[in-house]
Structure formats: structure tokens, C-alpha cells
N, C-alpha and C. Protein backbone atom coordinates (compact mmCIF):
# COMPACT_ATOMS: atom_id res chain seq x y z
N MET A 1 75.67 -52.85 -22.65
CA MET A 1 74.59 -53.79 -22.86
C MET A 1 73.97 -53.58 -24.25
N GLU A 2 73.79 -52.30 -24.64
CA GLU A 2 73.20 -52.03 -25.94
C GLU A 2 74.08 -52.55 -27.07
N THR A 3 75.39 -52.41 -26.94
CA THR A 3 76.32 -52.91 -27.96
C THR A 3 76.23 -54.41 -28.08
N ARG A 4 76.12 -55.09 -26.97
CA ARG A 4 76.00 -56.56 -27.01
C ARG A 4 74.71 -56.99 -27.68
N LEU A 5 73.61 -56.29 -27.40
CA LEU A 5 72.35 -56.62 -28.05
C LEU A 5 72.43 -56.39 -29.56
N CYS A 6 73.05 -55.29 -29.97
CA CYS A 6 73.23 -55.01 -31.40
C CYS A 6 74.08 -56.09 -32.06
N ASN A 7 75.12 -56.53 -31.39
CA ASN A 7 75.98 -57.58 -31.93
C ASN A 7 75.25 -58.91 -32.06
N LEU A 8 74.31 -59.16 -31.16
CA LEU A 8 73.50 -60.38 -31.25
C LEU A 8 72.50 -60.31 -32.40
N ARG A 9 71.92 -59.14 -32.62
CA ARG A 9 70.92 -58.97 -33.69
C ARG A 9 71.54 -58.97 -35.08
N LYS A 10 72.77 -58.49 -35.19
CA LYS A 10 73.40 -58.28 -36.50
C LYS A 10 73.39 -59.51 -37.40
N PRO A 11 73.82 -60.71 -36.95
CA PRO A 11 73.80 -61.88 -37.85
C PRO A 11 72.38 -62.24 -38.31
N TRP A 12 71.40 -62.10 -37.42
CA TRP A 12 70.02 -62.42 -37.78
C TRP A 12 69.52 -61.46 -38.86
N VAL A 13 69.78 -60.17 -38.68
CA VAL A 13 69.34 -59.16 -39.65
C VAL A 13 70.03 -59.39 -40.99
N GLU A 14 71.33 -59.65 -40.98
CA GLU A 14 72.05 -59.88 -42.23
C GLU A 14 71.52 -61.10 -42.97
N GLU A 15 71.12 -62.12 -42.25
CA GLU A 15 70.55 -63.32 -42.88
C GLU A 15 69.17 -63.01 -43.47
N LYS A 16 68.34 -62.25 -42.76
CA LYS A 16 67.01 -61.88 -43.25
C LYS A 16 67.10 -60.97 -44.47
N GLU A 17 68.10 -60.08 -44.52
CA GLU A 17 68.26 -59.17 -45.66
C GLU A 17 68.46 -59.93 -46.96
N LYS A 18 69.09 -61.09 -46.89
CA LYS A 18 69.32 -61.90 -48.09
C LYS A 18 68.02 -62.39 -48.70
N LEU A 19 66.96 -62.48 -47.90
CA LEU A 19 65.67 -62.99 -48.38
C LEU A 19 64.76 -61.89 -48.92
N ILE A 20 65.14 -60.63 -48.75
CA ILE A 20 64.31 -59.51 -49.18
C ILE A 20 64.41 -59.36 -50.69
N ASP A 21 63.25 -59.29 -51.34
CA ASP A 21 63.18 -59.12 -52.79
C ASP A 21 62.43 -57.81 -53.06
N PHE A 22 63.08 -56.87 -53.74
CA PHE A 22 62.47 -55.57 -54.00
C PHE A 22 61.59 -55.57 -55.24
N GLY A 23 61.49 -56.65 -55.93
CA GLY A 23 60.66 -56.76 -57.12
C GLY A 23 60.54 -58.22 -57.50
N SER A 24 59.67 -58.52 -58.43
CA SER A 24 59.48 -59.91 -58.82
C SER A 24 60.45 -60.33 -59.92
N GLY A 25 61.22 -59.39 -60.44
CA GLY A 25 62.13 -59.69 -61.53
C GLY A 25 61.50 -59.46 -62.89
N THR A 26 60.16 -59.41 -62.93
CA THR A 26 59.47 -59.19 -64.20
C THR A 26 58.80 -57.82 -64.25
N LYS A 27 58.65 -57.18 -63.09
CA LYS A 27 58.05 -55.85 -63.08
C LYS A 27 58.78 -54.96 -62.07
N TRP A 28 58.61 -53.66 -62.25
CA TRP A 28 59.25 -52.68 -61.37
C TRP A 28 58.56 -52.66 -60.02
N SER A 29 59.30 -52.24 -59.02
CA SER A 29 58.76 -52.10 -57.67
C SER A 29 59.19 -50.74 -57.14
N ASP A 30 58.29 -50.02 -56.48
CA ASP A 30 58.62 -48.72 -55.90
C ASP A 30 59.40 -48.91 -54.61
N VAL A 31 60.55 -48.25 -54.55
CA VAL A 31 61.35 -48.28 -53.32
C VAL A 31 61.70 -46.86 -52.95
N GLU A 32 62.00 -46.67 -51.70
CA GLU A 32 62.47 -45.39 -51.20
C GLU A 32 63.87 -45.59 -50.64
N ALA A 33 64.76 -44.67 -50.92
CA ALA A 33 66.13 -44.75 -50.41
C ALA A 33 66.52 -43.38 -49.87
N ASP A 34 67.26 -43.39 -48.78
CA ASP A 34 67.71 -42.13 -48.19
C ASP A 34 68.97 -42.40 -47.39
N GLU A 35 69.74 -41.35 -47.18
CA GLU A 35 70.93 -41.46 -46.34
C GLU A 35 70.83 -40.42 -45.25
N THR A 36 71.40 -40.77 -44.11
CA THR A 36 71.33 -39.86 -42.99
C THR A 36 72.62 -39.89 -42.18
N THR A 37 72.90 -38.80 -41.51
CA THR A 37 74.08 -38.70 -40.65
C THR A 37 73.61 -38.69 -39.21
N PHE A 38 74.13 -39.60 -38.42
CA PHE A 38 73.72 -39.71 -37.03
C PHE A 38 74.68 -39.07 -36.05
N ASP A 39 75.95 -39.10 -36.35
CA ASP A 39 76.92 -38.67 -35.35
C ASP A 39 78.18 -38.18 -36.04
N ARG A 40 78.91 -37.35 -35.36
CA ARG A 40 80.22 -36.93 -35.84
C ARG A 40 81.16 -36.93 -34.66
N LYS A 41 82.40 -37.20 -34.93
CA LYS A 41 83.42 -37.22 -33.87
C LYS A 41 84.61 -36.39 -34.35
N ASN A 42 85.14 -35.62 -33.44
CA ASN A 42 86.33 -34.86 -33.76
C ASN A 42 87.53 -35.71 -33.36
N ALA A 43 88.26 -36.21 -34.37
CA ALA A 43 89.41 -37.08 -34.10
C ALA A 43 90.62 -36.29 -33.63
N GLY A 44 90.59 -34.97 -33.80
CA GLY A 44 91.67 -34.12 -33.32
C GLY A 44 93.04 -34.57 -33.75
N GLN A 45 93.90 -34.81 -32.80
CA GLN A 45 95.29 -35.19 -33.08
C GLN A 45 95.41 -36.62 -33.60
N LEU A 46 94.34 -37.43 -33.48
CA LEU A 46 94.39 -38.82 -33.95
C LEU A 46 94.13 -38.94 -35.46
N ALA A 47 93.65 -37.88 -36.09
CA ALA A 47 93.34 -37.91 -37.52
C ALA A 47 94.60 -38.09 -38.35
N PRO A 48 94.53 -38.91 -39.42
CA PRO A 48 95.70 -39.07 -40.29
C PRO A 48 96.14 -37.74 -40.91
N ASP A 49 95.18 -36.91 -41.27
CA ASP A 49 95.47 -35.58 -41.81
C ASP A 49 94.92 -34.57 -40.82
N LYS A 50 95.76 -33.81 -40.19
CA LYS A 50 95.33 -32.88 -39.13
C LYS A 50 94.36 -31.81 -39.64
N ALA A 51 94.32 -31.59 -40.96
CA ALA A 51 93.39 -30.60 -41.52
C ALA A 51 91.97 -31.16 -41.65
N THR A 52 91.80 -32.49 -41.57
CA THR A 52 90.48 -33.09 -41.70
C THR A 52 90.20 -34.02 -40.52
N PRO A 53 89.89 -33.45 -39.36
CA PRO A 53 89.74 -34.28 -38.16
C PRO A 53 88.32 -34.78 -37.86
N ILE A 54 87.33 -34.49 -38.68
CA ILE A 54 85.95 -34.85 -38.34
C ILE A 54 85.56 -36.18 -39.01
N MET A 55 85.15 -37.17 -38.19
CA MET A 55 84.67 -38.45 -38.70
C MET A 55 83.14 -38.46 -38.60
N TRP A 56 82.47 -38.96 -39.63
CA TRP A 56 81.01 -38.98 -39.69
C TRP A 56 80.50 -40.40 -39.63
N GLU A 57 79.33 -40.59 -39.01
CA GLU A 57 78.64 -41.88 -39.06
C GLU A 57 77.42 -41.68 -39.95
N GLN A 58 77.41 -42.32 -41.10
CA GLN A 58 76.31 -42.17 -42.05
C GLN A 58 75.76 -43.55 -42.43
N TRP A 59 74.45 -43.58 -42.67
CA TRP A 59 73.76 -44.81 -43.05
C TRP A 59 72.88 -44.56 -44.26
N CYS A 60 72.69 -45.60 -45.04
CA CYS A 60 71.78 -45.58 -46.19
C CYS A 60 70.68 -46.60 -45.92
N GLY A 61 69.44 -46.22 -46.16
CA GLY A 61 68.33 -47.13 -45.98
C GLY A 61 67.52 -47.27 -47.25
N ILE A 62 67.07 -48.48 -47.54
CA ILE A 62 66.22 -48.76 -48.71
C ILE A 62 65.04 -49.58 -48.22
N VAL A 63 63.83 -49.20 -48.64
CA VAL A 63 62.63 -49.93 -48.24
C VAL A 63 61.64 -49.95 -49.41
N LYS A 64 60.97 -51.07 -49.59
CA LYS A 64 59.92 -51.18 -50.59
C LYS A 64 58.73 -50.39 -50.08
N ARG A 65 58.20 -49.52 -50.91
CA ARG A 65 57.12 -48.65 -50.48
C ARG A 65 55.93 -49.46 -49.95
N GLY A 66 55.53 -49.14 -48.72
CA GLY A 66 54.39 -49.80 -48.10
C GLY A 66 54.72 -51.11 -47.39
N HIS A 67 55.99 -51.51 -47.40
CA HIS A 67 56.40 -52.78 -46.78
C HIS A 67 57.59 -52.53 -45.86
N THR A 68 57.32 -52.10 -44.64
CA THR A 68 58.40 -51.74 -43.72
C THR A 68 59.29 -52.93 -43.36
N ASP A 69 58.79 -54.14 -43.54
CA ASP A 69 59.60 -55.32 -43.21
C ASP A 69 60.73 -55.54 -44.21
N THR A 70 60.78 -54.77 -45.30
CA THR A 70 61.85 -54.91 -46.29
C THR A 70 62.99 -53.93 -46.08
N LEU A 71 63.00 -53.21 -44.97
CA LEU A 71 64.04 -52.21 -44.72
C LEU A 71 65.42 -52.85 -44.71
N VAL A 72 66.32 -52.27 -45.49
CA VAL A 72 67.72 -52.70 -45.54
C VAL A 72 68.57 -51.48 -45.20
N LEU A 73 69.46 -51.62 -44.23
CA LEU A 73 70.35 -50.54 -43.82
C LEU A 73 71.79 -50.91 -44.14
N HIS A 74 72.54 -49.94 -44.64
CA HIS A 74 73.96 -50.14 -44.91
C HIS A 74 74.73 -48.97 -44.33
N ARG A 75 75.77 -49.27 -43.59
CA ARG A 75 76.61 -48.21 -43.04
C ARG A 75 77.56 -47.73 -44.13
N LEU A 76 77.61 -46.43 -44.32
CA LEU A 76 78.46 -45.83 -45.33
C LEU A 76 79.82 -45.50 -44.72
N THR A 77 80.80 -45.29 -45.56
CA THR A 77 82.14 -44.94 -45.09
C THR A 77 82.55 -43.60 -45.68
N PRO A 78 82.00 -42.50 -45.14
CA PRO A 78 82.33 -41.18 -45.67
C PRO A 78 83.76 -40.78 -45.35
N LYS A 79 84.29 -39.88 -46.16
CA LYS A 79 85.64 -39.37 -45.92
C LYS A 79 85.62 -38.42 -44.73
N MET A 80 86.75 -38.30 -44.09
CA MET A 80 86.88 -37.32 -43.01
C MET A 80 86.84 -35.93 -43.62
N SER A 81 86.41 -34.95 -42.84
CA SER A 81 86.29 -33.58 -43.37
C SER A 81 86.82 -32.58 -42.36
N LYS A 82 86.94 -31.35 -42.83
CA LYS A 82 87.36 -30.26 -41.95
C LYS A 82 86.18 -29.87 -41.06
N SER A 83 86.47 -29.40 -39.87
CA SER A 83 85.40 -28.86 -39.05
C SER A 83 85.01 -27.51 -39.64
N ARG A 84 83.76 -27.13 -39.50
CA ARG A 84 83.26 -25.90 -40.14
C ARG A 84 83.98 -24.66 -39.64
N HIS A 85 84.26 -24.57 -38.38
CA HIS A 85 84.91 -23.35 -37.89
C HIS A 85 86.33 -23.23 -38.43
N GLN A 86 86.99 -24.35 -38.71
CA GLN A 86 88.31 -24.30 -39.31
C GLN A 86 88.24 -23.96 -40.79
N ALA A 87 87.20 -24.47 -41.46
CA ALA A 87 87.07 -24.27 -42.90
C ALA A 87 86.77 -22.79 -43.23
N GLN A 88 86.15 -22.06 -42.30
CA GLN A 88 85.77 -20.68 -42.58
C GLN A 88 86.89 -19.69 -42.29
N VAL A 89 87.89 -20.10 -41.53
CA VAL A 89 88.99 -19.20 -41.19
C VAL A 89 89.94 -19.12 -42.39
N PRO A 90 90.27 -17.90 -42.87
CA PRO A 90 91.15 -17.80 -44.05
C PRO A 90 92.57 -18.22 -43.73
């Protein structure tokens, strides 16, 4: 159910993002940007490279300072990585 609701919201959000203006074009505007990692999955034997089986879900957010209605989120596409316990073993 949650996936269906997200799929319904997505076109509306993408259309509203086109209307967001982070500045007037003649002066600077303060914005905040940050990236965060929400989830990781161990792809194990499904990974293209067996040495790098960890897939990450990362997002970048940008918002005009003091105007939460201008929040824009973009899903990032990070590279797969080694799991930490594998990376530490010589």
C-alpha cells in the first residue's frame, strides 16, 4: 500500500518541483543541501562483482533556508561497495 501511495505522489511532486525557484535570478538565495543514506542491501551472489556486494540507497535534499515548501529530493546512484567485515580481512 505504501509503494502505491508513493507512486501516486511521485508525478505530483515532480510537477511541483519544476515551479520551485531558489532565487530571483538577480540576487543570491541561501539554500541548504545534504545527502543521507537510508538503507543498504547485501546483494551477495547477485552482485556483478562478488567483491562489492553492498548496494546503498542515498538521497540528496536541497531546500531554501526558511522555506520548507521548496524541498527538492533526488535519489543518488552510488557505486556498490565492499562490506566492512570483508574489507578489513587481509
